[in-house]
N, C-alpha and C. Protein backbone atom coordinates (compact mmCIF):
# COMPACT_ATOMS: atom_id res chain seq x y z
N MET A 1 -4.07 -12.05 -46.89
CA MET A 1 -3.96 -10.95 -47.98
C MET A 1 -3.57 -11.70 -49.41
N LYS A 2 -4.44 -11.58 -50.28
CA LYS A 2 -4.09 -12.27 -51.66
C LYS A 2 -3.19 -11.35 -52.39
N LYS A 3 -2.26 -12.16 -52.77
CA LYS A 3 -0.99 -11.82 -53.54
C LYS A 3 -1.07 -12.40 -54.94
N THR A 4 -0.39 -11.82 -55.93
CA THR A 4 -0.44 -12.17 -57.37
C THR A 4 0.95 -12.44 -57.75
N LEU A 5 1.14 -13.67 -58.80
CA LEU A 5 2.23 -13.93 -59.29
C LEU A 5 2.01 -14.03 -60.68
N THR A 6 3.34 -13.53 -61.36
CA THR A 6 3.11 -13.56 -62.98
C THR A 6 4.06 -14.47 -63.51
N ILE A 7 3.71 -15.46 -64.07
CA ILE A 7 4.64 -16.55 -64.76
C ILE A 7 4.16 -16.64 -66.08
N PHE A 8 5.16 -16.30 -67.08
CA PHE A 8 4.97 -16.62 -68.54
C PHE A 8 3.66 -15.63 -69.09
N GLY A 9 3.46 -14.43 -68.40
CA GLY A 9 2.56 -13.72 -68.81
C GLY A 9 1.20 -13.99 -68.35
N LEU A 10 1.04 -14.90 -67.41
CA LEU A 10 -0.16 -15.44 -66.86
C LEU A 10 -0.16 -14.76 -65.32
N LEU A 11 -1.24 -14.14 -65.13
CA LEU A 11 -1.44 -13.65 -63.74
C LEU A 11 -2.10 -14.77 -62.95
N LEU A 12 -1.28 -15.19 -61.87
CA LEU A 12 -1.80 -16.25 -60.98
C LEU A 12 -1.99 -15.55 -59.60
N ALA A 13 -3.10 -16.20 -58.91
CA ALA A 13 -3.32 -15.59 -57.68
C ALA A 13 -2.82 -16.77 -56.56
N THR A 14 -2.36 -16.16 -55.42
CA THR A 14 -1.75 -16.91 -54.38
C THR A 14 -2.73 -16.41 -53.18
N ASN A 15 -2.77 -17.40 -52.12
CA ASN A 15 -3.65 -17.15 -51.05
C ASN A 15 -3.04 -17.10 -49.55
N ALA A 16 -1.75 -16.26 -49.58
CA ALA A 16 -1.10 -16.17 -48.49
C ALA A 16 -1.81 -15.31 -47.36
N LEU A 17 -1.80 -15.87 -46.30
CA LEU A 17 -2.81 -15.19 -45.17
C LEU A 17 -1.69 -13.92 -44.70
N PHE A 18 -2.76 -13.07 -44.22
CA PHE A 18 -2.10 -11.85 -43.57
C PHE A 18 -1.73 -11.96 -42.26
N SER A 19 -0.50 -11.61 -41.76
CA SER A 19 -0.18 -11.59 -40.41
C SER A 19 0.46 -10.37 -40.05
N GLN A 20 0.34 -9.99 -38.95
CA GLN A 20 1.20 -8.71 -38.39
C GLN A 20 1.47 -8.81 -36.99
N SER A 21 2.59 -8.25 -36.46
CA SER A 21 3.11 -8.13 -35.25
C SER A 21 3.44 -7.00 -34.70
N ILE A 22 3.12 -6.52 -33.49
CA ILE A 22 3.72 -5.12 -33.01
C ILE A 22 4.35 -5.40 -31.61
N SER A 23 5.30 -4.66 -31.16
CA SER A 23 6.02 -4.81 -30.06
C SER A 23 6.24 -3.41 -29.48
N ALA A 24 6.40 -3.40 -27.96
CA ALA A 24 6.55 -2.29 -27.39
C ALA A 24 7.34 -2.50 -26.04
N ASN A 25 8.25 -1.62 -25.51
CA ASN A 25 8.93 -1.97 -24.32
C ASN A 25 8.79 -0.52 -23.40
N PHE A 26 8.19 0.38 -23.93
CA PHE A 26 7.88 1.50 -23.19
C PHE A 26 8.87 2.10 -22.42
N GLN A 27 10.14 2.20 -23.24
CA GLN A 27 11.42 2.86 -22.37
C GLN A 27 11.09 4.17 -22.19
N THR A 28 10.50 5.02 -23.03
CA THR A 28 10.50 6.43 -23.01
C THR A 28 9.15 6.84 -22.87
N ASP A 29 8.17 6.11 -23.58
CA ASP A 29 6.93 6.97 -23.61
C ASP A 29 6.07 5.64 -24.04
N MET A 30 4.54 5.94 -24.44
CA MET A 30 3.66 5.02 -24.51
C MET A 30 3.58 4.27 -25.76
N GLU A 31 4.35 4.85 -26.62
CA GLU A 31 4.42 4.23 -27.95
C GLU A 31 3.12 4.04 -28.61
N GLY A 32 2.44 5.11 -28.57
CA GLY A 32 1.14 5.01 -29.51
C GLY A 32 -0.11 4.58 -28.71
N TRP A 33 0.12 3.87 -27.67
CA TRP A 33 -1.08 3.49 -26.83
C TRP A 33 -1.67 4.26 -26.04
N THR A 34 -2.93 4.63 -25.85
CA THR A 34 -3.38 5.73 -25.18
C THR A 34 -4.40 5.12 -23.90
N SER A 35 -4.80 6.05 -23.02
CA SER A 35 -5.70 5.55 -22.15
C SER A 35 -6.71 6.87 -21.68
N HIS A 36 -8.06 6.65 -21.61
CA HIS A 36 -8.73 7.76 -21.15
C HIS A 36 -8.69 7.82 -19.67
N GLN A 37 -8.18 7.03 -18.89
CA GLN A 37 -8.09 6.94 -17.32
C GLN A 37 -6.83 7.81 -16.91
N THR A 38 -6.96 8.67 -16.07
CA THR A 38 -5.74 9.71 -15.73
C THR A 38 -4.92 9.16 -14.80
N THR A 39 -5.22 8.02 -14.23
CA THR A 39 -4.25 6.93 -13.40
C THR A 39 -3.54 6.09 -14.33
N VAL A 40 -3.76 5.89 -15.59
CA VAL A 40 -3.07 4.93 -16.65
C VAL A 40 -2.20 5.83 -17.14
N GLU A 41 -0.87 5.54 -17.25
CA GLU A 41 0.16 6.53 -18.06
C GLU A 41 1.45 5.95 -17.70
N TRP A 42 2.37 6.53 -18.69
CA TRP A 42 3.66 6.36 -18.78
C TRP A 42 4.16 6.91 -17.65
N ALA A 43 5.29 6.08 -16.79
CA ALA A 43 5.77 6.66 -15.83
C ALA A 43 7.21 6.07 -15.45
N ASN A 44 8.02 6.42 -14.83
CA ASN A 44 9.36 5.97 -14.38
C ASN A 44 8.99 4.84 -13.26
N LEU A 45 9.72 3.63 -13.44
CA LEU A 45 9.78 2.50 -12.56
C LEU A 45 10.08 3.00 -11.17
N PHE A 46 9.67 2.11 -10.12
CA PHE A 46 10.28 2.53 -8.80
C PHE A 46 11.66 2.08 -8.80
N ALA A 47 12.31 2.73 -7.62
CA ALA A 47 13.72 2.49 -7.32
C ALA A 47 13.71 0.97 -6.98
N PRO A 48 15.23 0.34 -7.41
CA PRO A 48 16.17 0.85 -7.96
C PRO A 48 16.10 0.94 -9.72
N MET A 49 15.01 0.73 -10.07
CA MET A 49 14.82 0.66 -11.59
C MET A 49 14.14 1.80 -12.17
N ASN A 50 14.30 3.02 -11.69
CA ASN A 50 13.81 4.28 -12.02
C ASN A 50 14.56 4.98 -13.19
N ASP A 51 15.56 4.16 -13.66
CA ASP A 51 16.25 4.76 -14.95
C ASP A 51 15.57 4.40 -16.25
N ARG A 52 14.24 3.82 -16.06
CA ARG A 52 13.58 3.32 -17.23
C ARG A 52 12.12 3.43 -17.09
N GLY A 53 11.30 3.14 -17.98
CA GLY A 53 9.75 3.54 -17.74
C GLY A 53 8.85 2.09 -18.08
N GLY A 54 7.69 2.43 -17.83
CA GLY A 54 6.51 1.45 -18.08
C GLY A 54 5.23 2.06 -18.05
N ILE A 55 4.14 1.29 -18.35
CA ILE A 55 2.88 1.86 -18.40
C ILE A 55 2.50 1.55 -17.14
N SER A 56 2.13 2.54 -16.03
CA SER A 56 1.58 2.51 -14.82
C SER A 56 0.05 2.44 -14.80
N PHE A 57 -0.40 1.27 -14.05
CA PHE A 57 -1.71 1.25 -13.79
C PHE A 57 -1.94 1.49 -12.27
N ALA A 58 -2.82 2.56 -12.08
CA ALA A 58 -2.96 2.87 -10.72
C ALA A 58 -4.64 3.34 -10.46
N ARG A 59 -5.14 2.81 -9.22
CA ARG A 59 -6.22 3.27 -8.90
C ARG A 59 -6.13 4.07 -7.57
N GLU A 60 -6.73 5.23 -7.35
CA GLU A 60 -6.29 6.02 -6.37
C GLU A 60 -7.29 5.90 -5.19
N ASN A 61 -8.60 5.57 -5.31
CA ASN A 61 -9.54 5.49 -4.08
C ASN A 61 -10.74 4.53 -4.59
N ALA A 62 -11.45 4.12 -3.76
CA ALA A 62 -12.57 3.31 -3.93
C ALA A 62 -13.83 4.12 -4.52
N ASP A 63 -13.75 5.39 -4.72
CA ASP A 63 -14.82 6.06 -5.14
C ASP A 63 -14.89 6.07 -6.91
N GLU A 64 -13.63 5.70 -7.31
CA GLU A 64 -13.53 5.47 -8.92
C GLU A 64 -14.65 4.29 -9.31
N ASN A 65 -15.17 4.64 -10.52
CA ASN A 65 -16.30 3.74 -11.22
C ASN A 65 -15.50 2.62 -11.95
N ASP A 66 -14.37 2.96 -12.41
CA ASP A 66 -13.58 1.94 -13.28
C ASP A 66 -12.92 0.72 -12.51
N THR A 67 -13.38 -0.44 -12.67
CA THR A 67 -12.45 -1.63 -11.95
C THR A 67 -11.82 -2.13 -13.06
N PHE A 68 -11.64 -1.92 -14.37
CA PHE A 68 -10.99 -2.26 -15.33
C PHE A 68 -10.13 -0.93 -15.82
N LEU A 69 -8.77 -1.14 -15.66
CA LEU A 69 -7.88 -0.18 -15.97
C LEU A 69 -6.94 -0.71 -17.33
N PHE A 70 -7.23 0.19 -18.32
CA PHE A 70 -6.46 -0.32 -19.70
C PHE A 70 -5.99 0.67 -20.61
N ILE A 71 -5.03 0.19 -21.44
CA ILE A 71 -4.59 1.10 -22.64
C ILE A 71 -5.22 0.39 -23.68
N GLN A 72 -5.15 1.14 -24.74
CA GLN A 72 -5.67 0.78 -26.15
C GLN A 72 -4.74 1.23 -27.28
N LYS A 73 -4.72 0.57 -28.36
CA LYS A 73 -4.28 1.13 -29.66
C LYS A 73 -4.93 1.02 -31.04
N GLU A 74 -5.16 1.84 -31.66
CA GLU A 74 -5.91 1.73 -32.82
C GLU A 74 -5.01 1.18 -34.09
N MET A 75 -5.47 -0.14 -34.58
CA MET A 75 -4.81 -0.57 -35.68
C MET A 75 -5.36 -0.25 -37.02
N LEU A 76 -4.44 0.08 -37.86
CA LEU A 76 -4.92 0.67 -39.22
C LEU A 76 -4.42 -0.47 -40.41
N GLU A 77 -5.03 -0.19 -41.47
CA GLU A 77 -4.57 -0.79 -42.61
C GLU A 77 -4.58 -2.34 -42.63
N LEU A 78 -5.39 -3.14 -41.83
CA LEU A 78 -5.70 -4.37 -41.79
C LEU A 78 -6.76 -4.83 -43.03
N LEU A 79 -6.99 -5.73 -43.03
CA LEU A 79 -8.03 -6.30 -44.26
C LEU A 79 -9.46 -5.90 -43.72
N PRO A 80 -10.03 -5.35 -44.65
CA PRO A 80 -11.52 -5.08 -44.04
C PRO A 80 -12.37 -6.30 -44.00
N SER A 81 -13.35 -6.10 -42.96
CA SER A 81 -14.50 -7.01 -42.68
C SER A 81 -13.63 -8.46 -42.76
N THR A 82 -12.47 -8.62 -41.81
CA THR A 82 -11.73 -9.93 -42.06
C THR A 82 -11.87 -10.40 -40.45
N ASN A 83 -11.71 -11.85 -40.33
CA ASN A 83 -11.61 -12.43 -39.04
C ASN A 83 -10.13 -12.71 -38.62
N TYR A 84 -9.58 -12.17 -37.40
CA TYR A 84 -8.45 -12.16 -36.96
C TYR A 84 -8.16 -13.07 -35.69
N ARG A 85 -7.20 -13.75 -35.77
CA ARG A 85 -6.96 -14.51 -34.34
C ARG A 85 -5.85 -13.50 -33.65
N ILE A 86 -5.97 -13.48 -32.37
CA ILE A 86 -5.09 -12.33 -31.70
C ILE A 86 -4.42 -12.86 -30.47
N THR A 87 -3.14 -12.84 -30.44
CA THR A 87 -2.50 -13.43 -29.10
C THR A 87 -1.65 -12.10 -28.60
N PHE A 88 -1.61 -12.07 -26.97
CA PHE A 88 -0.63 -11.35 -26.56
C PHE A 88 0.32 -11.95 -25.90
N ASN A 89 1.72 -11.58 -25.64
CA ASN A 89 2.60 -11.87 -24.65
C ASN A 89 3.10 -10.60 -23.99
N THR A 90 3.05 -10.64 -22.64
CA THR A 90 3.39 -9.34 -21.77
C THR A 90 4.22 -9.67 -20.71
N SER A 91 4.90 -8.97 -20.21
CA SER A 91 5.74 -9.02 -19.08
C SER A 91 5.53 -7.80 -18.09
N TRP A 92 5.06 -8.00 -16.70
CA TRP A 92 4.83 -6.91 -15.87
C TRP A 92 5.94 -6.86 -14.63
N LEU A 93 5.84 -5.82 -14.10
CA LEU A 93 6.48 -5.56 -12.91
C LEU A 93 5.83 -4.90 -11.88
N ALA A 94 5.80 -5.36 -10.61
CA ALA A 94 4.89 -4.91 -9.65
C ALA A 94 5.55 -4.84 -8.31
N TRP A 95 5.12 -4.02 -7.43
CA TRP A 95 5.62 -4.05 -6.05
C TRP A 95 4.38 -3.97 -5.14
N LEU A 96 3.85 -4.84 -4.71
CA LEU A 96 2.59 -4.73 -3.99
C LEU A 96 2.64 -5.47 -2.74
N GLU A 97 1.76 -4.93 -1.77
CA GLU A 97 1.49 -5.75 -0.74
C GLU A 97 0.49 -6.99 -1.11
N THR A 98 0.61 -8.12 -0.29
CA THR A 98 -0.38 -9.06 -0.65
C THR A 98 -1.84 -8.83 -0.72
N THR A 99 -2.21 -7.81 0.34
CA THR A 99 -3.50 -7.35 0.39
C THR A 99 -4.17 -6.66 -0.96
N ALA A 100 -3.25 -6.43 -1.84
CA ALA A 100 -3.78 -5.66 -3.07
C ALA A 100 -4.33 -6.77 -3.95
N PHE A 101 -4.20 -7.90 -4.03
CA PHE A 101 -4.80 -9.04 -4.78
C PHE A 101 -6.12 -9.46 -4.58
N PRO A 102 -6.84 -9.83 -5.50
CA PRO A 102 -6.24 -10.41 -6.79
C PRO A 102 -6.28 -9.29 -7.74
N ILE A 103 -5.44 -9.48 -8.85
CA ILE A 103 -5.39 -8.62 -9.89
C ILE A 103 -5.40 -9.47 -11.26
N THR A 104 -6.52 -9.11 -12.04
CA THR A 104 -6.62 -10.14 -13.22
C THR A 104 -6.26 -9.16 -14.51
N VAL A 105 -5.46 -9.92 -15.33
CA VAL A 105 -4.87 -9.43 -16.54
C VAL A 105 -5.69 -9.56 -17.64
N LYS A 106 -6.47 -8.62 -18.40
CA LYS A 106 -7.21 -8.95 -19.46
C LYS A 106 -6.80 -8.30 -20.82
N VAL A 107 -7.03 -9.10 -22.01
CA VAL A 107 -6.72 -8.63 -23.35
C VAL A 107 -7.74 -8.64 -24.10
N GLY A 108 -7.98 -7.82 -25.21
CA GLY A 108 -9.10 -7.84 -26.03
C GLY A 108 -8.90 -6.90 -27.16
N ALA A 109 -9.94 -6.93 -28.08
CA ALA A 109 -10.17 -5.98 -29.15
C ALA A 109 -11.40 -5.74 -29.31
N ASN A 110 -11.77 -4.39 -29.79
CA ASN A 110 -13.19 -4.16 -29.97
C ASN A 110 -14.09 -4.61 -28.88
N GLU A 111 -13.83 -4.44 -27.62
CA GLU A 111 -14.69 -4.73 -26.59
C GLU A 111 -14.90 -6.25 -26.46
N ASN A 112 -14.04 -7.15 -27.11
CA ASN A 112 -13.85 -8.67 -26.99
C ASN A 112 -12.92 -8.88 -26.11
N PHE A 113 -13.10 -9.23 -24.75
CA PHE A 113 -11.96 -9.53 -23.87
C PHE A 113 -12.11 -11.01 -23.39
N VAL A 114 -10.66 -11.42 -23.11
CA VAL A 114 -10.60 -12.88 -22.44
C VAL A 114 -9.53 -12.59 -21.36
N VAL A 115 -9.64 -13.47 -20.39
CA VAL A 115 -8.56 -13.19 -19.11
C VAL A 115 -7.27 -13.96 -19.65
N ALA A 116 -6.28 -13.05 -19.54
CA ALA A 116 -5.06 -13.95 -19.66
C ALA A 116 -4.16 -14.43 -18.53
N GLY A 117 -4.71 -14.23 -17.53
CA GLY A 117 -4.12 -14.56 -16.33
C GLY A 117 -4.00 -13.51 -15.10
N GLN A 118 -3.54 -14.15 -14.08
CA GLN A 118 -3.65 -12.95 -12.99
C GLN A 118 -2.16 -12.74 -12.26
N LEU A 119 -1.95 -11.66 -11.96
CA LEU A 119 -0.52 -11.08 -11.26
C LEU A 119 -0.57 -11.84 -9.70
N THR A 120 0.44 -12.56 -9.60
CA THR A 120 0.58 -13.24 -8.19
C THR A 120 1.91 -12.93 -7.72
N PRO A 121 1.90 -12.38 -6.41
CA PRO A 121 2.97 -11.80 -5.70
C PRO A 121 3.71 -12.96 -5.16
N ASN A 122 4.94 -12.61 -4.97
CA ASN A 122 5.96 -13.61 -4.43
C ASN A 122 5.49 -13.50 -2.76
N GLU A 123 6.47 -14.42 -1.85
CA GLU A 123 6.04 -14.66 -0.67
C GLU A 123 5.86 -13.49 0.28
N ASN A 124 6.77 -12.64 0.04
CA ASN A 124 6.99 -11.43 0.80
C ASN A 124 6.10 -10.16 0.32
N GLY A 125 5.53 -10.27 -0.87
CA GLY A 125 4.75 -9.24 -1.45
C GLY A 125 5.71 -8.04 -2.03
N LEU A 126 7.00 -8.20 -2.20
CA LEU A 126 7.74 -7.08 -2.77
C LEU A 126 7.87 -7.34 -4.19
N ALA A 127 8.97 -6.76 -4.58
CA ALA A 127 8.86 -6.67 -6.16
C ALA A 127 8.89 -7.91 -6.77
N PHE A 128 8.15 -8.00 -7.88
CA PHE A 128 8.34 -9.28 -8.74
C PHE A 128 8.00 -8.99 -10.15
N THR A 129 8.49 -10.02 -11.07
CA THR A 129 8.23 -9.72 -12.39
C THR A 129 7.47 -11.05 -12.77
N GLN A 130 6.42 -10.91 -13.92
CA GLN A 130 5.75 -12.11 -14.33
C GLN A 130 5.46 -11.89 -15.88
N ASN A 131 5.39 -12.79 -16.36
CA ASN A 131 5.07 -12.99 -17.98
C ASN A 131 3.70 -13.60 -17.96
N ILE A 132 2.87 -12.85 -18.87
CA ILE A 132 1.44 -13.48 -18.95
C ILE A 132 1.20 -13.37 -20.37
N ASN A 133 0.72 -14.50 -21.00
CA ASN A 133 0.17 -14.49 -22.24
C ASN A 133 -1.13 -15.15 -22.38
N ASN A 134 -1.86 -14.89 -23.66
CA ASN A 134 -3.04 -15.73 -23.88
C ASN A 134 -2.90 -16.86 -24.87
N PHE A 135 -1.92 -17.26 -25.09
CA PHE A 135 -1.65 -18.38 -26.21
C PHE A 135 -2.50 -19.40 -26.02
N ASP A 136 -3.02 -19.71 -24.90
CA ASP A 136 -3.85 -21.00 -24.56
C ASP A 136 -5.55 -20.36 -24.63
N ASN A 137 -5.73 -19.10 -24.75
CA ASN A 137 -6.95 -18.55 -24.67
C ASN A 137 -7.09 -17.24 -25.76
N ALA A 138 -6.40 -17.73 -26.93
CA ALA A 138 -6.52 -16.64 -28.12
C ALA A 138 -8.08 -16.39 -28.44
N PHE A 139 -8.28 -15.11 -28.83
CA PHE A 139 -9.45 -14.57 -29.25
C PHE A 139 -9.57 -14.29 -30.72
N TYR A 140 -10.93 -13.98 -31.04
CA TYR A 140 -11.00 -13.79 -32.51
C TYR A 140 -11.91 -12.54 -32.64
N VAL A 141 -11.77 -11.86 -33.63
CA VAL A 141 -12.45 -10.56 -33.75
C VAL A 141 -12.46 -10.15 -35.21
N ASN A 142 -13.54 -9.39 -35.64
CA ASN A 142 -13.48 -8.91 -37.10
C ASN A 142 -13.34 -7.56 -37.31
N THR A 143 -12.48 -6.99 -38.31
CA THR A 143 -12.30 -5.65 -38.54
C THR A 143 -13.46 -5.16 -39.14
N ASP A 144 -13.63 -3.88 -38.97
CA ASP A 144 -14.67 -3.13 -39.81
C ASP A 144 -14.50 -2.93 -41.33
N ASP A 145 -15.38 -2.39 -41.89
CA ASP A 145 -15.20 -2.32 -43.46
C ASP A 145 -14.33 -1.54 -43.67
N GLU A 146 -13.28 -0.79 -43.03
CA GLU A 146 -12.33 -0.18 -43.42
C GLU A 146 -10.95 -0.57 -42.84
N GLY A 147 -11.17 -1.86 -42.35
CA GLY A 147 -9.83 -2.42 -41.84
C GLY A 147 -9.39 -1.89 -40.36
N ARG A 148 -10.28 -1.44 -39.63
CA ARG A 148 -9.61 -0.64 -38.28
C ARG A 148 -10.14 -1.57 -37.21
N LEU A 149 -9.20 -1.64 -36.16
CA LEU A 149 -9.31 -2.34 -35.07
C LEU A 149 -8.74 -1.77 -33.80
N PHE A 150 -9.32 -1.80 -32.54
CA PHE A 150 -8.70 -1.28 -31.28
C PHE A 150 -8.30 -2.52 -30.58
N LEU A 151 -7.07 -2.41 -30.14
CA LEU A 151 -6.34 -3.55 -29.32
C LEU A 151 -6.54 -2.93 -27.88
N MET A 152 -6.75 -3.87 -26.82
CA MET A 152 -6.97 -3.43 -25.50
C MET A 152 -6.24 -4.28 -24.60
N ILE A 153 -5.43 -3.73 -23.41
CA ILE A 153 -5.00 -4.86 -22.57
C ILE A 153 -5.02 -3.74 -21.20
N GLY A 154 -5.09 -4.64 -20.07
CA GLY A 154 -5.36 -3.99 -18.90
C GLY A 154 -5.52 -4.86 -17.45
N ILE A 155 -5.82 -4.23 -16.56
CA ILE A 155 -6.06 -5.06 -15.31
C ILE A 155 -7.26 -4.82 -14.50
N GLU A 156 -7.72 -5.84 -14.11
CA GLU A 156 -9.18 -5.45 -13.37
C GLU A 156 -8.91 -5.74 -12.08
N THR A 157 -9.54 -4.93 -11.03
CA THR A 157 -9.49 -5.30 -9.79
C THR A 157 -10.55 -4.42 -9.02
N GLU A 158 -11.09 -4.70 -7.88
CA GLU A 158 -11.94 -4.00 -7.11
C GLU A 158 -11.37 -3.37 -5.99
N ASN A 159 -10.06 -3.53 -5.81
CA ASN A 159 -9.38 -3.08 -4.71
C ASN A 159 -9.32 -1.58 -4.61
N PRO A 160 -9.58 -0.96 -3.48
CA PRO A 160 -9.65 0.60 -3.50
C PRO A 160 -8.49 1.52 -3.92
N LYS A 161 -7.38 0.67 -3.81
CA LYS A 161 -6.20 1.66 -4.17
C LYS A 161 -4.99 0.64 -4.70
N ILE A 162 -4.56 0.86 -5.95
CA ILE A 162 -3.47 0.15 -6.42
C ILE A 162 -2.47 1.06 -7.19
N GLU A 163 -1.14 0.77 -6.95
CA GLU A 163 -0.06 1.57 -7.60
C GLU A 163 0.97 0.54 -7.38
N ASN A 164 2.09 0.95 -8.23
CA ASN A 164 3.19 0.22 -8.69
C ASN A 164 2.94 -0.86 -9.34
N VAL A 165 2.13 -0.94 -10.39
CA VAL A 165 1.92 -2.12 -11.10
C VAL A 165 2.13 -1.73 -12.60
N PHE A 166 3.26 -2.04 -13.24
CA PHE A 166 3.60 -1.48 -14.56
C PHE A 166 3.72 -2.77 -15.45
N LEU A 167 3.09 -2.24 -16.80
CA LEU A 167 3.26 -3.10 -17.89
C LEU A 167 4.54 -2.80 -18.48
N ASN A 168 5.51 -3.81 -18.60
CA ASN A 168 6.73 -3.62 -19.10
C ASN A 168 7.27 -3.87 -20.46
N THR A 169 6.78 -4.89 -20.92
CA THR A 169 6.85 -5.10 -22.51
C THR A 169 5.44 -5.89 -22.87
N LEU A 170 5.36 -5.67 -24.14
CA LEU A 170 4.40 -6.70 -24.85
C LEU A 170 4.53 -6.82 -26.22
N ARG A 171 4.05 -7.90 -26.75
CA ARG A 171 4.00 -8.09 -28.34
C ARG A 171 2.55 -8.75 -28.50
N VAL A 172 2.07 -8.37 -29.84
CA VAL A 172 0.80 -8.80 -30.27
C VAL A 172 0.89 -9.18 -31.44
N VAL A 173 0.34 -10.52 -31.63
CA VAL A 173 0.46 -11.13 -33.19
C VAL A 173 -1.05 -11.20 -33.56
N LEU A 174 -1.24 -10.80 -34.85
CA LEU A 174 -2.58 -10.84 -35.30
C LEU A 174 -2.56 -11.59 -36.73
N ARG A 175 -3.14 -12.74 -36.81
CA ARG A 175 -3.07 -13.61 -37.97
C ARG A 175 -4.59 -13.60 -38.44
N GLU A 176 -4.62 -13.66 -39.77
CA GLU A 176 -5.79 -13.69 -40.44
C GLU A 176 -6.30 -15.18 -40.52
N VAL A 177 -7.71 -15.28 -40.18
CA VAL A 177 -8.31 -16.77 -40.05
C VAL A 177 -9.05 -16.85 -41.55
N PRO A 178 -8.58 -18.05 -42.06
CA PRO A 178 -9.11 -18.38 -43.61
C PRO A 178 -10.77 -18.39 -43.38
N LYS A 179 -11.37 -17.81 -44.36
CA LYS A 179 -12.88 -17.87 -44.51
C LYS A 179 -13.43 -19.33 -44.29
N THR A 180 -12.54 -20.46 -44.80
CA THR A 180 -13.09 -21.76 -44.86
C THR A 180 -12.73 -22.38 -43.33
N GLU A 181 -12.11 -21.70 -42.57
CA GLU A 181 -11.51 -22.52 -41.53
C GLU A 181 -12.53 -22.32 -40.35
N GLU A 182 -12.73 -23.36 -39.73
CA GLU A 182 -13.74 -23.37 -38.44
C GLU A 182 -12.87 -22.70 -37.23
N VAL A 183 -13.46 -21.57 -36.66
CA VAL A 183 -12.92 -20.97 -35.58
C VAL A 183 -12.77 -21.71 -34.32
N GLN A 184 -11.69 -22.10 -33.87
CA GLN A 184 -11.80 -22.95 -32.53
C GLN A 184 -11.45 -21.94 -31.35
N GLU A 185 -12.47 -21.65 -30.57
CA GLU A 185 -12.19 -20.68 -29.68
C GLU A 185 -11.04 -20.95 -28.47
N ASP A 186 -10.53 -22.24 -28.22
CA ASP A 186 -9.30 -22.28 -27.57
C ASP A 186 -8.44 -23.24 -28.19
N SER A 187 -7.63 -22.61 -28.94
CA SER A 187 -6.50 -23.31 -29.73
C SER A 187 -5.31 -23.69 -28.75
N LYS A 188 -4.96 -24.76 -28.96
CA LYS A 188 -4.05 -25.26 -28.00
C LYS A 188 -2.57 -25.18 -28.76
N GLU A 189 -2.48 -24.91 -29.94
CA GLU A 189 -1.42 -25.10 -30.76
C GLU A 189 -0.77 -23.45 -30.81
N LYS A 190 0.57 -23.51 -30.74
CA LYS A 190 1.07 -22.08 -30.79
C LYS A 190 1.47 -21.85 -32.37
N THR A 191 1.33 -20.75 -33.00
CA THR A 191 1.92 -20.43 -34.08
C THR A 191 3.54 -20.14 -34.15
N GLU A 192 4.08 -20.19 -35.36
CA GLU A 192 5.52 -20.02 -35.28
C GLU A 192 5.76 -18.56 -34.65
N ASP A 193 4.90 -17.68 -34.92
CA ASP A 193 4.85 -16.24 -34.51
C ASP A 193 5.01 -16.25 -33.10
N GLU A 194 4.03 -17.01 -32.62
CA GLU A 194 3.89 -17.16 -30.98
C GLU A 194 5.00 -17.69 -30.47
N ASP A 195 5.48 -18.66 -30.73
CA ASP A 195 7.12 -19.19 -30.31
C ASP A 195 8.13 -18.14 -30.22
N GLU A 196 7.95 -17.22 -31.32
CA GLU A 196 8.95 -16.11 -31.49
C GLU A 196 8.63 -15.06 -30.59
N VAL A 197 7.26 -14.76 -30.26
CA VAL A 197 6.88 -13.84 -29.17
C VAL A 197 7.45 -14.14 -27.66
N GLU A 198 7.09 -15.50 -27.35
CA GLU A 198 7.59 -16.12 -26.24
C GLU A 198 9.16 -16.03 -26.12
N GLU A 199 10.02 -16.31 -27.05
CA GLU A 199 11.37 -16.14 -26.73
C GLU A 199 11.72 -14.70 -26.65
N ASP A 200 11.09 -13.68 -27.33
CA ASP A 200 11.42 -12.26 -27.08
C ASP A 200 10.96 -11.91 -25.80
N SER A 201 10.05 -12.29 -25.06
CA SER A 201 9.44 -12.03 -23.95
C SER A 201 10.36 -12.46 -22.81
N LYS A 202 10.88 -13.68 -23.08
CA LYS A 202 11.88 -14.15 -22.05
C LYS A 202 13.35 -13.41 -22.09
N GLU A 203 13.70 -12.89 -23.36
CA GLU A 203 14.65 -12.06 -23.40
C GLU A 203 14.67 -10.57 -23.04
N MET A 204 13.36 -10.00 -23.19
CA MET A 204 13.00 -8.82 -22.60
C MET A 204 12.99 -8.78 -21.15
N SER A 205 12.35 -9.81 -20.39
CA SER A 205 12.06 -9.94 -19.07
C SER A 205 13.38 -10.19 -18.59
N SER A 206 14.48 -10.81 -19.03
CA SER A 206 15.78 -10.94 -18.40
C SER A 206 16.69 -9.43 -18.30
N ARG A 207 16.07 -8.65 -19.08
CA ARG A 207 16.70 -7.20 -18.77
C ARG A 207 16.03 -6.51 -17.53
N THR A 208 14.90 -6.91 -16.99
CA THR A 208 14.25 -6.00 -16.00
C THR A 208 14.99 -6.49 -14.73
């Protein structure tokens, strides 16, 4: 976002880049994220952690057409017609039998998705927590001429029935890409924001 600075009556322009981050821990509701799928909703976690909530991703039967279950959030007031680099950091809580896998976590915006990772059970298939991020697979997307953008995150699976998969916390960082910068599809360097995101996620996960 271009900023201005006045020095001795002269109006000077600076080229500070726009960045924004959003976080959610879904303690009591969906915090502005929505879903058109009836089995993806806010719910209490399973016992003994049912004193708090998360986003429940469920698939009730094999007749459903959707293999990708997701939530989305519309971002407003971003810069119009601008390219952004987007990274997610998430923590998940699940209690699944090993036969329920594989389950792939995907993140995206405006129908542009990347695979962030896979949920992997522990040896006995009982409750487990897992952090998944796309720091090594960031994606790039352009806002429309009004500066609007839809963020999306979800799981993809062809298993007939999925339950007890919860998105526990998430944080998203959007960073404006300079017009003169060549976009690298797979950036290996973490931004300062992403380092902060990772630390936040570790702290949030320690509370689960």
